[in-house]
Each structure stands twice: as structure tokens, then as C-alpha cells.
Protein backbone atom coordinates (compact mmCIF):
# COMPACT_ATOMS: atom_id res chain seq x y z
CA UNK A 1 178.05 104.92 168.35
CA UNK A 2 174.29 105.13 168.81
CA UNK A 3 171.78 102.52 167.78
CA UNK A 4 170.15 104.92 165.34
CA UNK A 5 173.48 105.30 163.50
CA UNK A 6 173.99 101.53 163.43
CA UNK A 7 170.48 100.95 162.12
CA UNK A 8 170.88 103.66 159.48
CA UNK A 9 174.20 102.22 158.32
CA UNK A 10 172.76 98.70 158.19
CA UNK A 11 169.73 99.78 156.15
CA UNK A 12 171.92 101.68 153.69
CA UNK A 13 174.63 99.03 153.31
CA UNK A 14 172.45 95.93 153.46
CA UNK A 15 169.28 97.03 151.73
CA UNK A 16 169.84 99.99 149.45
CA UNK A 17 173.31 99.90 147.97
CA UNK A 18 173.60 96.24 146.83
CA UNK A 19 169.95 95.46 146.13
CA UNK A 20 168.90 96.00 142.51
CA UNK A 21 165.27 95.18 143.29
CA UNK A 22 165.12 97.67 146.16
CA UNK A 23 161.91 99.26 144.91
CA UNK A 24 159.98 96.06 145.46
CA UNK A 25 161.72 95.52 148.80
CA UNK A 26 160.84 98.95 150.14
CA UNK A 27 157.24 98.56 149.05
CA UNK A 28 157.19 95.59 151.41
CA UNK A 29 158.87 97.61 154.17
CA UNK A 30 156.12 100.18 153.79
CA UNK A 31 153.61 97.44 154.52
CA UNK A 32 155.26 96.17 157.68
CA UNK A 33 158.67 97.07 159.09
CA UNK A 34 158.20 94.52 161.83
CA UNK A 35 159.05 91.75 159.37
CA UNK A 36 162.65 93.02 159.34
CA UNK A 37 163.21 92.18 163.01
CA UNK A 38 164.50 88.60 162.47
CA UNK A 39 167.00 89.92 159.89
CA UNK A 40 168.75 92.41 162.17
CA UNK A 41 172.44 91.86 162.95
CA UNK A 42 173.08 90.27 166.33
CA UNK A 43 174.64 93.45 167.76
CA UNK A 44 171.34 95.31 167.43
CA UNK A 45 169.23 94.10 170.30
CA UNK A 46 165.43 94.27 169.88
CA UNK A 47 163.65 96.44 172.39
CA UNK A 48 160.23 98.03 172.92
CA UNK A 49 161.63 101.03 171.04
CA UNK A 50 162.11 98.96 167.86
CA UNK A 51 159.26 100.53 165.90
CA UNK A 52 160.28 104.08 166.77
CA UNK A 53 163.91 103.37 165.89
CA UNK A 54 163.02 101.76 162.59
CA UNK A 55 160.70 104.54 161.55
CA UNK A 56 163.13 107.30 162.51
CA UNK A 57 165.81 105.53 160.48
CA UNK A 58 163.67 105.24 157.38
CA UNK A 59 162.58 108.86 157.83
CA UNK A 60 166.21 109.95 158.03
CA UNK A 61 167.16 108.31 154.74
CA UNK A 62 163.96 109.24 152.91
CA UNK A 63 165.32 112.58 151.59
CA UNK A 64 168.39 110.77 150.23
CA UNK A 65 166.29 108.17 148.44
CA UNK A 66 163.29 110.24 147.35
CA UNK A 67 164.99 111.43 144.18
CA UNK A 68 165.65 107.82 143.24
CA UNK A 69 162.08 106.70 143.75
CA UNK A 70 162.98 104.28 146.54
CA UNK A 71 160.76 105.61 149.30
CA UNK A 72 157.62 107.64 148.99
CA UNK A 73 156.61 110.19 151.58
CA UNK A 74 154.00 109.10 154.11
CA UNK A 75 151.67 111.43 155.91
CA UNK A 76 150.87 110.87 159.57
CA UNK A 77 147.77 108.83 158.84
CA UNK A 78 149.66 106.49 156.51
CA UNK A 79 152.46 106.14 159.06
CA UNK A 80 149.90 105.21 161.70
CA UNK A 81 148.53 102.51 159.41
CA UNK A 82 152.02 101.14 158.76
CA UNK A 83 152.72 100.96 162.49
CA UNK A 84 149.73 98.70 162.93
CA UNK A 85 151.14 96.17 160.45
CA UNK A 86 151.53 92.68 161.89
CA UNK A 87 153.49 89.77 160.47
CA UNK A 88 151.26 86.71 160.84
CA UNK A 89 153.42 84.07 159.15
CA UNK A 90 157.00 83.95 157.91
CA UNK A 91 158.57 81.01 156.08
CA UNK A 92 161.64 80.73 153.88
CA UNK A 93 159.44 81.23 150.81
CA UNK A 94 156.58 83.55 151.74
CA UNK A 95 155.25 85.92 154.35
CA UNK A 96 151.73 86.83 155.41
CA UNK A 97 151.16 90.27 156.91
CA UNK A 98 148.08 92.13 158.07
CA UNK A 99 147.56 95.88 158.12
CA UNK A 100 144.11 96.81 159.30
CA UNK A 101 141.66 94.81 157.18
CA UNK A 102 144.21 94.14 154.45
CA UNK A 103 146.21 90.91 154.21
CA UNK A 104 149.45 90.81 152.21
CA UNK A 105 150.77 87.47 150.95
CA UNK A 106 154.28 87.90 149.53
CA UNK A 107 156.40 85.29 147.78
CA UNK A 108 159.83 86.22 149.09
CA UNK A 109 163.31 86.08 147.64
CA UNK A 110 164.87 86.99 144.31
CA UNK A 111 164.07 83.69 142.59
CA UNK A 112 161.49 82.24 140.19
CA UNK A 113 159.02 81.31 142.94
CA UNK A 114 158.56 77.86 141.43
CA UNK A 115 155.54 76.13 142.92
CA UNK A 116 157.00 73.08 144.59
CA UNK A 117 155.61 71.12 147.55
CA UNK A 118 157.03 73.45 150.21
CA UNK A 119 155.84 76.70 148.64
CA UNK A 120 152.45 75.23 147.79
CA UNK A 121 152.01 74.12 151.40
CA UNK A 122 153.08 77.55 152.65
CA UNK A 123 150.62 79.37 150.38
CA UNK A 124 147.78 77.07 151.38
CA UNK A 125 148.56 77.54 155.06
CA UNK A 126 148.63 81.33 154.62
CA UNK A 127 145.28 81.33 152.82
CA UNK A 128 143.76 79.24 155.60
CA UNK A 129 144.99 81.79 158.13
CA UNK A 130 143.55 84.64 156.07
CA UNK A 131 140.19 82.90 155.92
CA UNK A 132 140.15 82.22 159.66
CA UNK A 133 140.80 85.89 160.46
CA UNK A 134 138.52 87.42 157.82
CA UNK A 135 136.07 90.10 158.87
CA UNK A 136 133.55 92.15 156.86
CA UNK A 137 135.68 94.55 154.86
CA UNK A 138 138.80 92.36 154.55
CA UNK A 139 140.84 91.99 151.35
CA UNK A 140 143.88 90.00 150.21
CA UNK A 141 146.77 91.29 148.08
CA UNK A 142 149.20 88.70 146.71
CA UNK A 143 152.56 89.79 145.32
CA UNK A 144 156.14 88.58 144.89
CA UNK A 145 159.64 89.93 145.22
CA UNK A 146 162.13 89.86 142.35
CA UNK A 147 161.70 89.43 138.61
CA UNK A 148 159.11 86.64 138.81
CA UNK A 149 155.61 86.55 140.22
CA UNK A 150 155.87 82.79 139.70
CA UNK A 151 157.43 80.74 136.92
CA UNK A 152 154.98 77.89 137.37
CA UNK A 153 155.24 74.45 138.89
CA UNK A 154 158.63 73.21 140.07
CA UNK A 155 159.40 70.94 137.13
CA UNK A 156 162.99 70.47 138.31
CA UNK A 157 161.61 68.85 141.47
CA UNK A 158 159.33 66.67 139.34
CA UNK A 159 162.25 65.58 137.14
CA UNK A 160 164.66 64.96 140.00
CA UNK A 161 163.32 61.47 140.70
CA UNK A 162 163.93 60.32 137.11
CA UNK A 163 161.73 59.98 134.06
CA UNK A 164 159.81 57.04 135.49
CA UNK A 165 158.48 59.16 138.36
CA UNK A 166 158.08 62.46 136.49
CA UNK A 167 154.40 61.97 135.71
CA UNK A 168 153.61 60.99 139.28
CA UNK A 169 155.42 64.00 140.71
CA UNK A 170 153.85 66.37 138.19
CA UNK A 171 150.44 64.97 139.04
CA UNK A 172 151.22 65.50 142.72
CA UNK A 173 152.09 69.16 142.10
CA UNK A 174 148.88 69.70 140.14
CA UNK A 175 146.90 68.03 142.92
CA UNK A 176 148.56 70.35 145.47
CA UNK A 177 147.95 73.46 143.37
CA UNK A 178 144.29 72.67 142.75
CA UNK A 179 143.11 73.40 146.33
CA UNK A 180 144.95 76.75 146.26
CA UNK A 181 142.80 77.81 143.30
CA UNK A 182 139.77 76.53 145.21
CA UNK A 183 140.81 78.45 148.33
CA UNK A 184 141.15 81.69 146.38
CA UNK A 185 137.77 81.24 144.70
CA UNK A 186 136.08 80.55 148.04
CA UNK A 187 137.93 83.17 150.11
CA UNK A 188 135.37 85.44 151.81
CA UNK A 189 136.87 88.73 150.62
CA UNK A 190 138.07 90.51 147.47
CA UNK A 191 141.45 89.30 146.19
CA UNK A 192 144.04 91.24 144.19
CA UNK A 193 147.21 89.99 142.49
CA UNK A 194 149.91 92.67 142.22
CA UNK A 195 152.10 91.19 139.49
CA UNK A 196 155.50 92.88 139.21
CA UNK A 197 157.31 90.06 137.40
CA UNK A 198 156.84 87.19 134.97
CA UNK A 199 153.88 84.86 135.59
CA UNK A 200 154.05 81.60 133.63
CA UNK A 201 151.88 78.47 133.48
CA UNK A 202 150.68 77.76 137.04
CA UNK A 203 152.05 81.18 138.01
CA UNK A 204 149.73 82.71 135.40
CA UNK A 205 146.90 80.64 136.89
CA UNK A 206 147.77 81.80 140.40
CA UNK A 207 147.47 85.42 139.29
CA UNK A 208 144.15 85.09 137.45
CA UNK A 209 142.63 83.08 140.31
CA UNK A 210 142.36 86.47 142.05
CA UNK A 211 139.44 88.80 141.42
CA UNK A 212 141.69 91.58 140.13
CA UNK A 213 145.10 91.51 138.44
CA UNK A 214 147.31 94.62 138.43
CA UNK A 215 150.61 94.36 136.56
CA UNK A 216 153.89 96.22 136.20
CA UNK A 217 154.35 97.54 132.68
CA UNK A 218 157.87 96.51 131.70
CA UNK A 219 159.39 93.38 130.20
CA UNK A 220 157.33 91.12 132.47
CA UNK A 221 154.97 88.76 130.65
CA UNK A 222 152.04 86.46 131.23
CA UNK A 223 152.81 83.16 129.51
CA UNK A 224 151.01 79.83 129.33
CA UNK A 225 154.03 77.71 128.42
CA UNK A 226 152.36 74.29 128.24
CA UNK A 227 152.37 74.11 124.43
CA UNK A 228 156.07 75.01 124.26
CA UNK A 229 157.15 72.42 126.85
CA UNK A 230 154.83 69.64 125.67
CA UNK A 231 152.15 69.47 128.34
CA UNK A 232 148.39 69.58 127.98
CA UNK A 233 146.18 71.78 130.14
CA UNK A 234 144.54 70.28 133.24
CA UNK A 235 140.77 70.57 133.08
CA UNK A 236 140.56 73.22 135.79
CA UNK A 237 143.26 75.30 134.04
CA UNK A 238 141.19 75.20 130.86
CA UNK A 239 137.99 76.18 132.67
CA UNK A 240 139.69 79.06 134.48
CA UNK A 241 141.20 80.42 131.27
CA UNK A 242 137.81 80.24 129.56
CA UNK A 243 136.21 82.04 132.49
CA UNK A 244 138.84 84.77 132.75
CA UNK A 245 139.62 85.39 129.05
CA UNK A 246 136.29 86.01 127.37
CA UNK A 247 137.57 86.98 123.92
CA UNK A 248 138.05 83.82 121.76
CA UNK A 249 140.96 85.29 119.77
CA UNK A 250 142.80 86.32 122.92
CA UNK A 251 142.20 82.92 124.48
CA UNK A 252 143.49 81.23 121.30
CA UNK A 253 146.68 83.34 121.37
CA UNK A 254 147.32 82.52 125.02
CA UNK A 255 146.64 78.79 124.73
CA UNK A 256 147.32 77.77 121.11
CA UNK A 257 150.17 80.18 120.34
CA UNK A 258 151.75 80.23 123.79
CA UNK A 259 151.96 83.99 123.38
CA UNK A 260 153.99 85.97 125.88
CA UNK A 261 151.67 88.81 126.80
CA UNK A 262 152.99 92.08 128.22
CA UNK A 263 150.99 94.20 130.61
CA UNK A 264 149.42 96.72 128.23
CA UNK A 265 148.33 94.00 125.81
CA UNK A 266 147.01 91.96 128.73
CA UNK A 267 144.87 94.96 129.68
CA UNK A 268 143.48 95.11 126.13
CA UNK A 269 142.76 91.38 126.26
CA UNK A 270 140.88 91.81 129.53
CA UNK A 271 143.27 89.55 131.46
CA UNK A 272 144.78 92.39 133.51
CA UNK A 273 142.77 95.25 134.99
CA UNK A 274 145.45 97.93 134.83
CA UNK A 275 149.18 98.40 134.22
CA UNK A 276 151.71 100.59 136.06
CA UNK A 277 155.25 101.85 135.55
CA UNK A 278 156.90 100.31 138.59
CA UNK A 279 156.55 97.70 141.30
CA UNK A 280 155.81 100.45 143.84
CA UNK A 281 153.06 102.04 141.78
CA UNK A 282 151.57 98.60 141.12
CA UNK A 283 151.46 97.88 144.85
CA UNK A 284 150.17 101.35 145.67
CA UNK A 285 147.34 100.89 143.17
CA UNK A 286 146.57 97.47 144.65
CA UNK A 287 146.33 99.00 148.13
CA UNK A 288 144.10 101.82 146.88
CA UNK A 289 141.81 99.33 145.16
CA UNK A 290 141.71 97.11 148.24
CA UNK A 291 140.84 100.07 150.46
CA UNK A 292 138.03 101.08 148.09
CA UNK A 293 136.64 97.55 148.18
CA UNK A 294 136.99 97.07 151.93
CA UNK A 295 135.23 100.37 152.53
CA UNK A 296 132.02 98.73 151.36
CA UNK A 297 132.26 96.16 154.19
CA UNK A 298 130.50 93.45 152.24
CA UNK A 299 129.56 90.18 153.87
CA UNK A 300 132.41 87.83 152.98
CA UNK A 301 130.28 84.73 152.71
CA UNK A 302 127.93 86.42 150.25
CA UNK A 303 130.90 87.73 148.27
CA UNK A 304 132.43 84.24 147.99
CA UNK A 305 129.17 82.63 146.88
CA UNK A 306 128.65 85.23 144.14
CA UNK A 307 132.22 84.65 142.94
CA UNK A 308 131.67 80.89 142.83
CA UNK A 309 128.51 81.40 140.81
CA UNK A 310 130.44 83.53 138.29
CA UNK A 311 133.06 80.80 137.87
CA UNK A 312 130.66 77.88 138.18
CA UNK A 313 132.43 75.59 135.68
CA UNK A 314 135.77 75.97 137.42
CA UNK A 315 134.19 75.49 140.82
CA UNK A 316 132.47 72.32 139.64
CA UNK A 317 135.83 70.85 138.60
CA UNK A 318 137.35 71.93 141.91
CA UNK A 319 134.56 70.33 143.92
CA UNK A 320 133.26 73.64 145.26
CA UNK A 321 129.54 73.77 145.83
CA UNK A 322 127.47 76.93 145.47
CA UNK A 323 124.65 77.77 147.84
CA UNK A 324 122.34 80.69 148.36
CA UNK A 325 123.20 82.99 151.25
CA UNK A 326 120.91 85.63 152.70
CA UNK A 327 122.61 88.30 154.80
CA UNK A 328 120.28 91.30 154.59
CA UNK A 329 121.76 94.73 155.28
CA UNK A 330 118.62 96.81 154.71
């Protein structure tokens, strides 16, 4: 029994047949197959031929899956780009990958991606790594596996210590989330959120802290749940919502009606840039947009300072200063 047969059987049995969210999973495989290496069964030994084996396996099952929309054909140039993908960071909750000038931050697992201390630390660490490796023409795409982009702060963790400590733990989570918003606003590159699931409360904030928001057009919603669960908005939440939702009526519906906004309506409100039929098409559009933006090879420091000037009220509350930068290209 050859290794190629074993690999093919494992991909089919482990990934395709039982996984209902396979479309999202394969969009991640298309970004970097190398991230699968730690998940291989013990009887498949890694070797220098790993990439060739993996690609030949995916190629062999592509005709079987193409009719089901699981894998899209890649031309040679796209395949070459995929081969260059590198996994920079892997934790139990998120991964950071790089393909050329594009960074991909993925919240992993089929869960709600609640923002607790561990996930918040992982995201912040990943953003620091992105910033340290940024070059002119870099971009970040943030996405998530499963039915949720993020369902907000981990309130179960906050409640676990009892009612007397709930406020302290909630305050701690908000304090940990705040620098993530600051990191995104000061990141020296364009940022794109590819939202293929529900984004609620702090998860909503995480999405709109990016420069662009692309969203899957299905039952997924954007939802500021604070009014429904009895919490007021932190000042930097309020400032970000005012900055990102310019229409007063739309802002009222999001904040004072706790409206659950689907993708097409979010586009009309100006919260989301564009909506797509599937997780794959959402990610594909995010990659296309990122490649268009990186092609301009803007100076990252200049880009970040202009962004901070646009969102000056939010940045003031986050403690981010704005300064003039001159990086002439003429």
C-alpha cells in the first residue's frame, strides 16, 4: 500500500466525508497545506517529499470534489503561490500563515471563537508577529472556521468565578481586547476581515476593526448584543461604531435595537463592503482584494498613520498617537 493511497484515504475519510464545514476547511488548505503536517496519522512519516505528496493527493481527488464545490481548480501560477505558504504560528485556537506578502490569521475549530484570555493572547501575539515581518506591499486577512467568526467575549469564563468577580473578569477581558483593536488600527498594512459566520459584540468589533469587511451571504449575522444581555458599550466600542457606521439610522438600529444584520443589509448600511454566496468565494474575494492592495506597495508606516487620522476619536481612546510621516516616492 503506497503512501499516496494512504494519504488519499486519510484526506477523504478524515476531512471530506464527516466534515460539514469542509468548504471553509479546504479554503484554508488552499492557503497552506503545510499546516496539515502536525495532524497526520503516526503511520505517515513526514519526508522532504511531503509537499509533492500532499499536492498530488489533492489533485487526485479534485475531479471527485469539483462538482460539489469543495475544491477549485488551480493553475500552475496559483499552485506555485500555495507551495510558498508558510505556517508562522499554530496554537489550539488560531493559526498565522504567510503566503508571499499576504498574512492569514485564522480562528480555528468549529466553535464560537469566544474571546477569552487565551485566544486574546494568541491573537495579539499573531498581530505582533505580522507587524514585525511586514514589508511594503503586505496585507492581513483574518477569518474563522465554523459557523462563527466570533461570538464575542468569553462571558462564561467571566461568570465562572461567581457573581462577585464577574465585573472584574469582564473588565479584564475588555482591557485585553482593547490593545487588539489598537494593534489592528496601527498595523502597517491593509487589513481585511473575511467573515463567514456570526460576529457578535466584541466579535463584531473585531471584524470592523479591519479596513475592509467581506461577508458570507447566508444566515450569518452581525449583532451588537449588549442591549439584549444588559451591558453598556465601552467608550472605544462606541467610538468605533460611530466611525464605521456613518448613517445615524443604521447606527441606531445596531446599537439601540440590537438588530441582527445579515450580509446584504450590512452592505446597504455601509458596514460590510461586499457579500458572497459561500465561505470559499468570500475568502477568494478577500485574497483578490488583498492582492490588488499589495500591488500598490504602499509604505506601511504612512498607511497606518493615515488610518489613525481617519479614526482619530477611537485612537485617542486607545492611546494611539498620530504623527506626520514623509516617505516620498516621487
